[in-house]
Amino acid sequence: MLAVLGLPNVVSAAIVAAVVAVVFRARVFGANDRTRTSWIDAWLKASVTFVFVVFFTVFVPSYVMQTETVAGFDRNAQDLIGLSLFGVAFLATLWGLRYAYRTKRV
């Protein structure tokens, strides 16, 4: 459905999110008044945040776990790698949301 130029859906979704972020850069990343945010700003910010969280906490660890190198490791090592990737992405998301809140971007 999202296949752009024959690329997989995950890559296509990331490209679409990047294009939206670049085109609507001022609306997505700009500081705003929290009591007077337009619906388009709220939806754009929520959409970019959602795509970031899903891409880096679901698809990146899943892709890394399916690589030939990681698949050859012991099961405990695979679990540690997957958990580490998920944990770093989750902590980056929490930090990013906190930063965005403190700078009045969300």
N, C-alpha and C. Protein backbone atom coordinates (compact mmCIF):
# COMPACT_ATOMS: atom_id res chain seq x y z
N MET A 1 0.82 -1.19 0.00
CA MET A 1 0.00 0.00 0.00
C MET A 1 0.86 1.25 0.00
N LEU A 2 1.89 1.30 0.84
CA LEU A 2 2.76 2.46 0.91
C LEU A 2 3.99 2.34 0.01
N ALA A 3 4.11 1.25 -0.71
CA ALA A 3 5.31 0.99 -1.48
C ALA A 3 5.62 2.15 -2.43
N VAL A 4 6.72 2.83 -2.14
CA VAL A 4 7.18 3.94 -2.96
C VAL A 4 8.39 3.45 -3.75
N LEU A 5 8.29 3.53 -5.07
CA LEU A 5 9.38 3.10 -5.96
C LEU A 5 9.79 1.65 -5.71
N GLY A 6 8.85 0.81 -5.30
CA GLY A 6 9.13 -0.60 -5.09
C GLY A 6 9.88 -0.92 -3.80
N LEU A 7 9.98 0.03 -2.89
CA LEU A 7 10.67 -0.20 -1.63
C LEU A 7 9.73 -0.89 -0.65
N PRO A 8 10.27 -1.55 0.38
CA PRO A 8 9.40 -2.17 1.39
C PRO A 8 8.57 -1.11 2.12
N ASN A 9 7.47 -1.54 2.73
CA ASN A 9 6.57 -0.62 3.41
C ASN A 9 7.24 0.15 4.54
N VAL A 10 8.15 -0.47 5.25
CA VAL A 10 8.82 0.19 6.37
C VAL A 10 9.65 1.37 5.85
N VAL A 11 10.41 1.13 4.82
CA VAL A 11 11.25 2.18 4.24
C VAL A 11 10.37 3.27 3.64
N SER A 12 9.30 2.87 2.99
CA SER A 12 8.38 3.85 2.40
C SER A 12 7.74 4.73 3.47
N ALA A 13 7.35 4.13 4.59
CA ALA A 13 6.76 4.91 5.68
C ALA A 13 7.78 5.89 6.25
N ALA A 14 9.03 5.47 6.38
CA ALA A 14 10.07 6.37 6.88
C ALA A 14 10.32 7.52 5.91
N ILE A 15 10.29 7.23 4.61
CA ILE A 15 10.48 8.28 3.60
C ILE A 15 9.33 9.28 3.65
N VAL A 16 8.11 8.77 3.76
CA VAL A 16 6.94 9.65 3.83
C VAL A 16 7.01 10.53 5.07
N ALA A 17 7.39 9.94 6.22
CA ALA A 17 7.50 10.72 7.46
C ALA A 17 8.59 11.78 7.34
N ALA A 18 9.70 11.43 6.70
CA ALA A 18 10.78 12.40 6.52
C ALA A 18 10.35 13.55 5.61
N VAL A 19 9.62 13.23 4.55
CA VAL A 19 9.14 14.28 3.64
C VAL A 19 8.16 15.20 4.36
N VAL A 20 7.25 14.61 5.14
CA VAL A 20 6.30 15.43 5.91
C VAL A 20 7.05 16.31 6.90
N ALA A 21 8.07 15.76 7.56
CA ALA A 21 8.84 16.53 8.53
C ALA A 21 9.59 17.68 7.85
N VAL A 22 10.12 17.45 6.67
CA VAL A 22 10.85 18.51 5.97
C VAL A 22 9.91 19.57 5.43
N VAL A 23 8.82 19.14 4.81
CA VAL A 23 7.88 20.09 4.22
C VAL A 23 7.20 20.93 5.29
N PHE A 24 6.80 20.28 6.36
CA PHE A 24 6.11 20.98 7.43
C PHE A 24 7.02 21.23 8.63
N ARG A 25 8.30 21.46 8.38
CA ARG A 25 9.30 21.61 9.42
C ARG A 25 8.91 22.64 10.47
N ALA A 26 8.44 23.79 10.05
CA ALA A 26 8.09 24.84 11.00
C ALA A 26 6.90 24.43 11.87
N ARG A 27 5.96 23.73 11.28
CA ARG A 27 4.80 23.30 12.06
C ARG A 27 5.12 22.13 12.98
N VAL A 28 5.95 21.21 12.52
CA VAL A 28 6.25 20.01 13.31
C VAL A 28 7.21 20.31 14.45
N PHE A 29 8.27 21.06 14.16
CA PHE A 29 9.32 21.27 15.15
C PHE A 29 9.30 22.64 15.81
N GLY A 30 8.42 23.51 15.37
CA GLY A 30 8.38 24.87 15.90
C GLY A 30 7.72 24.95 17.26
N ALA A 31 8.15 25.92 18.07
CA ALA A 31 7.53 26.17 19.36
C ALA A 31 6.16 26.80 19.13
N ASN A 32 5.23 26.49 20.02
CA ASN A 32 3.89 27.04 19.87
C ASN A 32 3.25 27.26 21.25
N ASP A 33 2.14 27.98 21.24
CA ASP A 33 1.37 28.19 22.45
C ASP A 33 0.51 26.95 22.68
N ARG A 34 0.64 26.34 23.84
CA ARG A 34 -0.06 25.09 24.09
C ARG A 34 -1.57 25.23 24.13
N THR A 35 -2.06 26.41 24.44
CA THR A 35 -3.51 26.59 24.54
C THR A 35 -4.14 26.93 23.20
N ARG A 36 -3.34 27.31 22.21
CA ARG A 36 -3.89 27.71 20.91
C ARG A 36 -3.24 26.95 19.76
N THR A 37 -3.06 25.66 19.92
CA THR A 37 -2.47 24.85 18.87
C THR A 37 -3.55 24.44 17.88
N SER A 38 -3.27 24.62 16.60
CA SER A 38 -4.25 24.22 15.59
C SER A 38 -4.28 22.70 15.47
N TRP A 39 -5.36 22.18 14.92
CA TRP A 39 -5.49 20.74 14.81
C TRP A 39 -4.46 20.15 13.87
N ILE A 40 -4.09 20.88 12.82
CA ILE A 40 -3.09 20.35 11.89
C ILE A 40 -1.72 20.24 12.55
N ASP A 41 -1.37 21.21 13.38
CA ASP A 41 -0.09 21.14 14.11
C ASP A 41 -0.09 19.95 15.05
N ALA A 42 -1.19 19.76 15.77
CA ALA A 42 -1.26 18.64 16.72
C ALA A 42 -1.18 17.31 16.00
N TRP A 43 -1.89 17.16 14.89
CA TRP A 43 -1.85 15.91 14.15
C TRP A 43 -0.48 15.65 13.52
N LEU A 44 0.14 16.68 12.99
CA LEU A 44 1.47 16.50 12.40
C LEU A 44 2.49 16.09 13.46
N LYS A 45 2.46 16.76 14.60
CA LYS A 45 3.41 16.42 15.67
C LYS A 45 3.16 15.01 16.20
N ALA A 46 1.89 14.66 16.37
CA ALA A 46 1.55 13.32 16.85
C ALA A 46 1.95 12.26 15.83
N SER A 47 1.74 12.53 14.55
CA SER A 47 2.08 11.56 13.51
C SER A 47 3.58 11.32 13.41
N VAL A 48 4.36 12.40 13.45
CA VAL A 48 5.81 12.26 13.39
C VAL A 48 6.31 11.51 14.62
N THR A 49 5.78 11.82 15.78
CA THR A 49 6.17 11.12 17.01
C THR A 49 5.81 9.65 16.92
N PHE A 50 4.62 9.34 16.45
CA PHE A 50 4.17 7.95 16.34
C PHE A 50 5.06 7.15 15.38
N VAL A 51 5.34 7.73 14.21
CA VAL A 51 6.17 7.02 13.23
C VAL A 51 7.58 6.80 13.79
N PHE A 52 8.13 7.81 14.48
CA PHE A 52 9.46 7.66 15.09
C PHE A 52 9.45 6.52 16.10
N VAL A 53 8.47 6.51 16.99
CA VAL A 53 8.43 5.49 18.04
C VAL A 53 8.27 4.10 17.44
N VAL A 54 7.34 3.94 16.52
CA VAL A 54 7.11 2.62 15.92
C VAL A 54 8.32 2.17 15.12
N PHE A 55 8.89 3.07 14.33
CA PHE A 55 10.03 2.68 13.50
C PHE A 55 11.23 2.24 14.34
N PHE A 56 11.58 3.04 15.35
CA PHE A 56 12.79 2.74 16.11
C PHE A 56 12.61 1.75 17.25
N THR A 57 11.38 1.52 17.71
CA THR A 57 11.20 0.53 18.78
C THR A 57 10.68 -0.80 18.27
N VAL A 58 10.14 -0.83 17.05
CA VAL A 58 9.60 -2.08 16.53
C VAL A 58 10.40 -2.58 15.33
N PHE A 59 10.50 -1.75 14.30
CA PHE A 59 11.07 -2.23 13.05
C PHE A 59 12.59 -2.36 13.08
N VAL A 60 13.28 -1.43 13.71
CA VAL A 60 14.74 -1.51 13.75
C VAL A 60 15.20 -2.74 14.54
N PRO A 61 14.70 -2.97 15.78
CA PRO A 61 15.12 -4.19 16.47
C PRO A 61 14.72 -5.47 15.72
N SER A 62 13.54 -5.47 15.11
CA SER A 62 13.10 -6.64 14.35
C SER A 62 14.02 -6.90 13.16
N TYR A 63 14.39 -5.84 12.45
CA TYR A 63 15.28 -5.99 11.29
C TYR A 63 16.65 -6.50 11.73
N VAL A 64 17.18 -5.93 12.81
CA VAL A 64 18.50 -6.35 13.29
C VAL A 64 18.46 -7.80 13.74
N MET A 65 17.38 -8.21 14.38
CA MET A 65 17.28 -9.59 14.85
C MET A 65 17.23 -10.58 13.68
N GLN A 66 16.76 -10.15 12.53
CA GLN A 66 16.65 -11.04 11.38
C GLN A 66 17.91 -11.07 10.52
N THR A 67 18.89 -10.22 10.83
CA THR A 67 20.12 -10.25 10.05
C THR A 67 20.86 -11.56 10.30
N GLU A 68 21.66 -11.93 9.34
CA GLU A 68 22.37 -13.21 9.43
C GLU A 68 23.37 -13.23 10.58
N THR A 69 23.99 -12.10 10.86
CA THR A 69 24.98 -12.02 11.92
C THR A 69 24.35 -12.27 13.28
N VAL A 70 23.28 -11.56 13.58
CA VAL A 70 22.64 -11.69 14.89
C VAL A 70 21.93 -13.03 15.01
N ALA A 71 21.38 -13.54 13.91
CA ALA A 71 20.69 -14.83 13.95
C ALA A 71 21.63 -15.97 14.31
N GLY A 72 22.92 -15.79 14.08
CA GLY A 72 23.88 -16.83 14.41
C GLY A 72 24.32 -16.83 15.86
N PHE A 73 23.95 -15.80 16.61
CA PHE A 73 24.33 -15.72 18.02
C PHE A 73 23.46 -16.63 18.87
N ASP A 74 23.93 -16.85 20.10
CA ASP A 74 23.17 -17.58 21.11
C ASP A 74 21.86 -16.83 21.38
N ARG A 75 20.82 -17.55 21.81
CA ARG A 75 19.51 -16.95 22.06
C ARG A 75 19.58 -15.84 23.11
N ASN A 76 20.39 -16.02 24.16
CA ASN A 76 20.52 -14.99 25.19
C ASN A 76 21.16 -13.72 24.62
N ALA A 77 22.14 -13.88 23.75
CA ALA A 77 22.78 -12.72 23.11
C ALA A 77 21.79 -12.00 22.20
N GLN A 78 20.97 -12.76 21.48
CA GLN A 78 19.95 -12.16 20.63
C GLN A 78 18.96 -11.34 21.47
N ASP A 79 18.54 -11.92 22.59
CA ASP A 79 17.61 -11.21 23.47
C ASP A 79 18.23 -9.92 24.01
N LEU A 80 19.50 -9.99 24.38
CA LEU A 80 20.19 -8.81 24.91
C LEU A 80 20.31 -7.72 23.84
N ILE A 81 20.63 -8.12 22.62
CA ILE A 81 20.75 -7.15 21.53
C ILE A 81 19.39 -6.50 21.24
N GLY A 82 18.35 -7.31 21.15
CA GLY A 82 17.02 -6.77 20.89
C GLY A 82 16.54 -5.86 22.01
N LEU A 83 16.76 -6.26 23.24
CA LEU A 83 16.36 -5.44 24.37
C LEU A 83 17.16 -4.15 24.43
N SER A 84 18.42 -4.21 24.11
CA SER A 84 19.26 -3.00 24.11
C SER A 84 18.80 -2.02 23.05
N LEU A 85 18.51 -2.50 21.84
CA LEU A 85 18.03 -1.61 20.78
C LEU A 85 16.68 -0.98 21.15
N PHE A 86 15.79 -1.80 21.69
CA PHE A 86 14.49 -1.28 22.10
C PHE A 86 14.65 -0.27 23.23
N GLY A 87 15.50 -0.60 24.21
CA GLY A 87 15.70 0.29 25.36
C GLY A 87 16.29 1.63 24.96
N VAL A 88 17.26 1.63 24.07
CA VAL A 88 17.86 2.89 23.61
C VAL A 88 16.82 3.73 22.87
N ALA A 89 16.04 3.10 21.99
CA ALA A 89 15.00 3.84 21.26
C ALA A 89 13.94 4.37 22.21
N PHE A 90 13.56 3.58 23.19
CA PHE A 90 12.54 4.01 24.16
C PHE A 90 13.04 5.18 25.00
N LEU A 91 14.27 5.08 25.48
CA LEU A 91 14.84 6.19 26.26
C LEU A 91 15.02 7.45 25.41
N ALA A 92 15.41 7.28 24.15
CA ALA A 92 15.53 8.44 23.25
C ALA A 92 14.16 9.08 23.03
N THR A 93 13.12 8.28 22.94
CA THR A 93 11.76 8.81 22.79
C THR A 93 11.35 9.59 24.03
N LEU A 94 11.59 9.02 25.20
CA LEU A 94 11.24 9.72 26.44
C LEU A 94 12.01 11.03 26.57
N TRP A 95 13.30 11.00 26.25
CA TRP A 95 14.10 12.22 26.33
C TRP A 95 13.58 13.25 25.33
N GLY A 96 13.28 12.80 24.11
CA GLY A 96 12.79 13.71 23.08
C GLY A 96 11.46 14.35 23.45
N LEU A 97 10.57 13.57 24.01
CA LEU A 97 9.29 14.12 24.44
C LEU A 97 9.47 15.11 25.59
N ARG A 98 10.36 14.79 26.52
CA ARG A 98 10.62 15.71 27.63
C ARG A 98 11.23 17.01 27.12
N TYR A 99 12.18 16.89 26.20
CA TYR A 99 12.81 18.08 25.62
C TYR A 99 11.78 18.91 24.86
N ALA A 100 10.94 18.25 24.08
CA ALA A 100 9.93 18.97 23.31
C ALA A 100 8.94 19.67 24.24
N TYR A 101 8.60 19.05 25.34
CA TYR A 101 7.69 19.68 26.29
C TYR A 101 8.33 20.91 26.96
N ARG A 102 9.58 20.76 27.36
CA ARG A 102 10.26 21.86 28.04
C ARG A 102 10.52 23.06 27.12
N THR A 103 10.66 22.82 25.85
CA THR A 103 10.88 23.91 24.90
C THR A 103 9.58 24.35 24.22
N LYS A 104 8.46 23.90 24.77
CA LYS A 104 7.11 24.27 24.31
C LYS A 104 6.88 23.92 22.84
N ARG A 105 7.33 22.75 22.45
CA ARG A 105 7.10 22.27 21.09
C ARG A 105 5.91 21.33 21.03
N VAL A 106 5.54 20.74 22.15
CA VAL A 106 4.33 19.90 22.21
C VAL A 106 3.47 20.37 23.37
